[in-house]
């Protein structure tokens, strides 16, 4: 990445018209959440695509945070326990939100108010927490927490 950008650990997706950076330590469900949301949005007839999985190149352009995929992993996503899969991607996306996958037990029960994820390229993203547990429709959670933000 150039001096104006940085490579970070995470997964970037686009759902409708909104870009998301999924953050969190290894093994927390970032790729699972991405695949689930992309699949659900497409089944509903909406646009959804992967930008990058595991490593994301971030840069600040005209005051917006832009995510891109490193060339070496373009179009690839990890399916934990099954291997690496090839999926449809977009070359770049403006990201407006960070998603933090969370697992039970939920402690604290409610997330901190105005929680943000500071970015190494400057600025920060507001965080939305999404539960990763059996039976939870992750896209439905995002739609409930961020009505009007997905563009569908």
Protein backbone atom coordinates (compact mmCIF):
# COMPACT_ATOMS: atom_id res chain seq x y z
CA UNK A 1 0.00 0.00 0.00
CA UNK A 2 1.20 3.53 -0.66
CA UNK A 3 2.11 6.11 1.97
CA UNK A 4 -1.51 7.35 1.82
CA UNK A 5 -2.97 3.92 2.57
CA UNK A 6 -2.65 1.00 4.98
CA UNK A 7 -3.37 -2.69 4.97
CA UNK A 8 -5.56 -3.84 7.86
CA UNK A 9 -6.88 -7.17 9.13
CA UNK A 10 -10.58 -7.37 8.32
CA UNK A 11 -13.14 -8.10 5.63
CA UNK A 12 -14.83 -5.50 3.42
CA UNK A 13 -18.22 -5.94 1.74
CA UNK A 14 -20.85 -3.88 -0.05
CA UNK A 15 -24.54 -4.38 0.69
CA UNK A 16 -26.83 -2.34 -1.51
CA UNK A 17 -25.19 1.07 -1.58
CA UNK A 18 -23.28 0.83 1.70
CA UNK A 19 -19.74 -0.39 2.32
CA UNK A 20 -18.78 -2.16 5.54
CA UNK A 21 -15.46 -3.06 7.14
CA UNK A 22 -15.90 -6.15 9.30
CA UNK A 23 -13.40 -6.02 12.17
CA UNK A 24 -12.30 -8.25 15.02
CA UNK A 25 -9.69 -10.81 16.00
CA UNK A 26 -9.08 -13.97 13.98
CA UNK A 27 -11.79 -16.57 14.42
CA UNK A 28 -14.59 -14.19 15.41
CA UNK A 29 -16.71 -14.82 12.32
CA UNK A 30 -15.80 -11.99 9.92
CA UNK A 31 -15.83 -14.16 6.79
CA UNK A 32 -18.92 -16.07 7.95
CA UNK A 33 -20.79 -12.81 8.53
CA UNK A 34 -19.70 -11.51 5.11
CA UNK A 35 -20.82 -14.64 3.26
CA UNK A 36 -24.12 -14.75 5.15
CA UNK A 37 -24.99 -11.11 4.44
CA UNK A 38 -23.92 -11.26 0.78
CA UNK A 39 -25.92 -14.44 0.19
CA UNK A 40 -29.03 -13.14 1.95
CA UNK A 41 -28.97 -9.81 0.11
CA UNK A 42 -28.59 -11.53 -3.26
CA UNK A 43 -31.44 -13.94 -2.47
CA UNK A 44 -33.60 -10.88 -1.86
CA UNK A 45 -32.57 -9.50 -5.28
CA UNK A 46 -30.23 -6.80 -3.97
CA UNK A 47 -26.67 -5.97 -4.93
CA UNK A 48 -24.01 -7.38 -2.62
CA UNK A 49 -20.34 -8.21 -3.14
CA UNK A 50 -17.07 -8.91 -1.41
CA UNK A 51 -14.31 -6.32 -1.62
CA UNK A 52 -11.64 -8.20 0.36
CA UNK A 53 -11.36 -10.96 2.96
CA UNK A 54 -8.77 -11.14 5.74
CA UNK A 55 -6.64 -8.24 4.51
CA UNK A 56 -8.05 -4.92 3.29
CA UNK A 57 -6.17 -1.99 1.78
CA UNK A 58 -7.66 1.24 3.17
CA UNK A 59 -7.01 4.76 1.95
CA UNK A 60 -8.52 8.19 2.51
CA UNK A 61 -9.69 9.80 -0.73
CA UNK A 62 -11.49 13.14 -0.78
CA UNK A 63 -12.47 12.66 2.87
CA UNK A 64 -13.95 9.18 2.26
CA UNK A 65 -12.55 5.84 3.39
CA UNK A 66 -11.95 3.52 0.43
CA UNK A 67 -11.40 -0.24 0.72
CA UNK A 68 -9.59 -2.31 -1.90
CA UNK A 69 -8.35 -5.88 -2.09
CA UNK A 70 -4.66 -6.79 -2.25
CA UNK A 71 -4.05 -8.42 -5.66
CA UNK A 72 -2.78 -11.67 -4.14
CA UNK A 73 -6.15 -12.51 -2.53
CA UNK A 74 -8.58 -10.93 -5.00
CA UNK A 75 -11.84 -12.87 -5.27
CA UNK A 76 -11.00 -15.26 -2.42
CA UNK A 77 -12.72 -15.79 0.93
CA UNK A 78 -12.05 -18.28 3.70
CA UNK A 79 -14.77 -20.72 4.60
CA UNK A 80 -13.48 -21.79 8.01
CA UNK A 81 -13.11 -25.55 8.23
CA UNK A 82 -13.83 -26.04 4.50
CA UNK A 83 -11.16 -24.08 2.64
CA UNK A 84 -10.85 -21.09 0.33
CA UNK A 85 -13.70 -20.19 -2.04
CA UNK A 86 -13.85 -17.89 -5.03
CA UNK A 87 -16.62 -15.25 -4.96
CA UNK A 88 -17.74 -12.24 -6.97
CA UNK A 89 -15.98 -9.06 -5.92
CA UNK A 90 -15.89 -5.36 -6.62
CA UNK A 91 -12.56 -3.58 -7.07
CA UNK A 92 -13.18 -0.87 -4.48
CA UNK A 93 -15.85 0.54 -2.20
CA UNK A 94 -16.37 3.50 0.07
CA UNK A 95 -16.89 2.18 3.59
CA UNK A 96 -19.13 4.02 6.02
CA UNK A 97 -19.54 1.52 8.86
CA UNK A 98 -17.51 -1.00 10.82
CA UNK A 99 -19.21 -4.25 11.82
CA UNK A 100 -18.01 -6.02 14.95
CA UNK A 101 -19.15 -9.66 15.17
CA UNK A 102 -20.03 -10.58 18.75
CA UNK A 103 -20.76 -13.96 20.33
CA UNK A 104 -22.67 -14.90 23.47
CA UNK A 105 -22.53 -14.31 26.32
CA UNK A 106 -23.13 -10.65 25.53
CA UNK A 107 -21.27 -8.75 28.21
CA UNK A 108 -21.95 -5.92 28.29
CA UNK A 109 -25.50 -6.59 27.16
CA UNK A 110 -25.71 -3.26 25.34
CA UNK A 111 -22.89 -1.78 23.24
CA UNK A 112 -21.16 1.44 24.26
CA UNK A 113 -22.83 4.58 22.91
CA UNK A 114 -21.21 6.17 19.86
CA UNK A 115 -18.66 3.36 19.56
CA UNK A 116 -16.12 3.98 16.78
CA UNK A 117 -13.25 2.15 15.12
CA UNK A 118 -10.20 4.43 14.64
CA UNK A 119 -8.57 3.97 11.25
CA UNK A 120 -4.82 3.94 10.52
CA UNK A 121 -5.46 6.26 7.54
CA UNK A 122 -7.17 8.87 9.72
CA UNK A 123 -10.75 9.24 10.76
CA UNK A 124 -12.94 6.52 12.22
CA UNK A 125 -15.99 4.45 11.43
CA UNK A 126 -19.08 4.04 13.61
CA UNK A 127 -19.36 0.46 14.86
CA UNK A 128 -22.46 -1.69 14.66
CA UNK A 129 -22.29 -4.97 16.60
CA UNK A 130 -23.84 -8.06 15.00
CA UNK A 131 -24.39 -11.31 16.92
CA UNK A 132 -22.82 -14.43 15.47
CA UNK A 133 -24.89 -17.29 16.82
CA UNK A 134 -26.94 -20.14 15.45
CA UNK A 135 -30.32 -19.12 14.10
CA UNK A 136 -29.54 -15.40 13.83
CA UNK A 137 -30.18 -13.92 10.38
CA UNK A 138 -27.26 -11.49 10.29
CA UNK A 139 -28.57 -9.36 7.42
CA UNK A 140 -31.90 -8.98 9.26
CA UNK A 141 -29.97 -7.70 12.29
CA UNK A 142 -28.13 -5.15 10.13
CA UNK A 143 -31.37 -4.04 8.50
CA UNK A 144 -32.99 -3.59 11.93
CA UNK A 145 -30.05 -1.67 13.39
CA UNK A 146 -29.35 0.43 10.29
CA UNK A 147 -32.67 1.07 8.56
CA UNK A 148 -32.25 3.36 5.55
CA UNK A 149 -28.46 2.78 5.47
CA UNK A 150 -28.32 -0.25 3.15
CA UNK A 151 -30.13 1.28 0.22
CA UNK A 152 -32.71 -1.54 0.24
